[in-house]
């Protein structure tokens, strides 16, 4: 783990923009536009059915979940959960090793 890394419970988009701004020497506005462009590009590619591979970080992809039966937790009644597509992130080996 990076010794300069402060332990936090979560990081939101604003925190990410601030960190990118500091690391890349960008203005906050430029960093925000860059972060948004990256997120939009990943989202659009996955929506189109493309797999986005960031070497050393991970893969973003769209997977199909088949229809299945579930239970309503309040009533215990069995319900049918329809098939659907969901986005998925699979961390890469280097990323997993880094966060160990």
Protein backbone atom coordinates (compact mmCIF):
# COMPACT_ATOMS: atom_id res chain seq x y z
CA UNK A 1 0.00 0.00 0.00
CA UNK A 2 1.17 3.51 -0.76
CA UNK A 3 2.53 4.99 2.52
CA UNK A 4 1.42 8.49 1.44
CA UNK A 5 -2.14 7.24 1.06
CA UNK A 6 -4.46 8.49 3.79
CA UNK A 7 -6.92 5.88 4.98
CA UNK A 8 -10.45 6.95 4.03
CA UNK A 9 -13.73 5.15 4.15
CA UNK A 10 -14.77 6.27 0.66
CA UNK A 11 -13.87 8.55 -2.21
CA UNK A 12 -16.49 10.40 -4.20
CA UNK A 13 -16.15 11.98 -7.64
CA UNK A 14 -15.14 15.36 -6.18
CA UNK A 15 -12.35 13.69 -4.18
CA UNK A 16 -11.22 11.87 -7.31
CA UNK A 17 -11.12 15.12 -9.30
CA UNK A 18 -9.07 16.77 -6.55
CA UNK A 19 -6.59 13.86 -6.49
CA UNK A 20 -6.25 13.80 -10.28
CA UNK A 21 -5.76 17.56 -10.31
CA UNK A 22 -2.95 17.30 -7.75
CA UNK A 23 -1.20 14.28 -9.35
CA UNK A 24 -1.38 15.55 -12.93
CA UNK A 25 -0.76 19.22 -12.18
CA UNK A 26 -4.06 20.20 -13.79
CA UNK A 27 -6.56 22.82 -12.79
CA UNK A 28 -9.56 21.40 -11.00
CA UNK A 29 -11.74 22.30 -14.00
CA UNK A 30 -9.42 20.45 -16.43
CA UNK A 31 -9.23 17.46 -14.10
CA UNK A 32 -13.03 17.38 -13.76
CA UNK A 33 -13.46 17.46 -17.56
CA UNK A 34 -10.86 14.72 -17.97
CA UNK A 35 -12.37 12.46 -15.31
CA UNK A 36 -15.86 12.97 -16.79
CA UNK A 37 -14.58 12.22 -20.30
CA UNK A 38 -12.98 8.97 -19.12
CA UNK A 39 -16.13 7.89 -17.25
CA UNK A 40 -18.39 8.77 -20.21
CA UNK A 41 -16.14 6.88 -22.62
CA UNK A 42 -16.10 3.75 -20.44
CA UNK A 43 -19.88 3.93 -19.91
CA UNK A 44 -20.62 4.38 -23.63
CA UNK A 45 -18.26 1.57 -24.67
CA UNK A 46 -19.76 -0.88 -22.16
CA UNK A 47 -23.28 0.14 -23.17
CA UNK A 48 -22.32 -0.65 -26.80
CA UNK A 49 -21.26 -4.13 -25.65
CA UNK A 50 -17.51 -3.48 -25.79
CA UNK A 51 -15.11 -4.71 -23.14
CA UNK A 52 -12.85 -1.94 -21.82
CA UNK A 53 -9.48 -3.29 -20.72
CA UNK A 54 -7.12 -1.10 -18.71
CA UNK A 55 -3.91 -3.12 -18.39
CA UNK A 56 -2.83 -3.46 -14.78
CA UNK A 57 -6.15 -2.09 -13.52
CA UNK A 58 -9.05 -4.18 -14.75
CA UNK A 59 -11.87 -4.77 -17.21
CA UNK A 60 -15.27 -3.16 -17.56
CA UNK A 61 -17.83 -5.25 -19.44
CA UNK A 62 -21.52 -5.94 -19.89
CA UNK A 63 -22.82 -9.34 -18.78
CA UNK A 64 -26.21 -10.94 -19.22
CA UNK A 65 -27.94 -12.37 -16.20
CA UNK A 66 -30.46 -15.04 -16.99
CA UNK A 67 -33.97 -15.07 -15.56
CA UNK A 68 -34.23 -16.74 -12.19
CA UNK A 69 -36.52 -17.22 -9.23
CA UNK A 70 -36.10 -15.18 -6.09
CA UNK A 71 -37.97 -14.56 -2.85
CA UNK A 72 -39.65 -11.44 -1.54
CA UNK A 73 -37.86 -10.96 1.80
CA UNK A 74 -40.98 -9.54 3.49
CA UNK A 75 -43.52 -12.12 2.43
CA UNK A 76 -41.36 -15.08 1.48
CA UNK A 77 -43.36 -15.25 -1.75
CA UNK A 78 -41.48 -16.61 -4.76
CA UNK A 79 -41.01 -14.05 -7.54
CA UNK A 80 -39.63 -14.24 -11.06
CA UNK A 81 -36.57 -12.04 -11.66
CA UNK A 82 -36.31 -11.21 -15.35
CA UNK A 83 -33.18 -11.54 -17.46
CA UNK A 84 -31.14 -8.38 -17.82
CA UNK A 85 -27.80 -6.91 -18.76
CA UNK A 86 -25.60 -5.48 -16.01
CA UNK A 87 -22.23 -3.74 -16.03
CA UNK A 88 -19.38 -5.56 -14.32
CA UNK A 89 -15.85 -4.66 -13.24
CA UNK A 90 -13.19 -7.35 -12.96
CA UNK A 91 -10.01 -6.12 -11.25
CA UNK A 92 -6.69 -6.96 -12.88
CA UNK A 93 -3.92 -8.94 -11.21
CA UNK A 94 -1.70 -5.91 -10.51
CA UNK A 95 -4.61 -3.97 -8.99
CA UNK A 96 -5.53 -6.91 -6.75
CA UNK A 97 -1.91 -7.28 -5.63
CA UNK A 98 -1.64 -3.55 -4.89
CA UNK A 99 -4.67 -3.45 -2.60
CA UNK A 100 -3.79 -6.62 -0.67
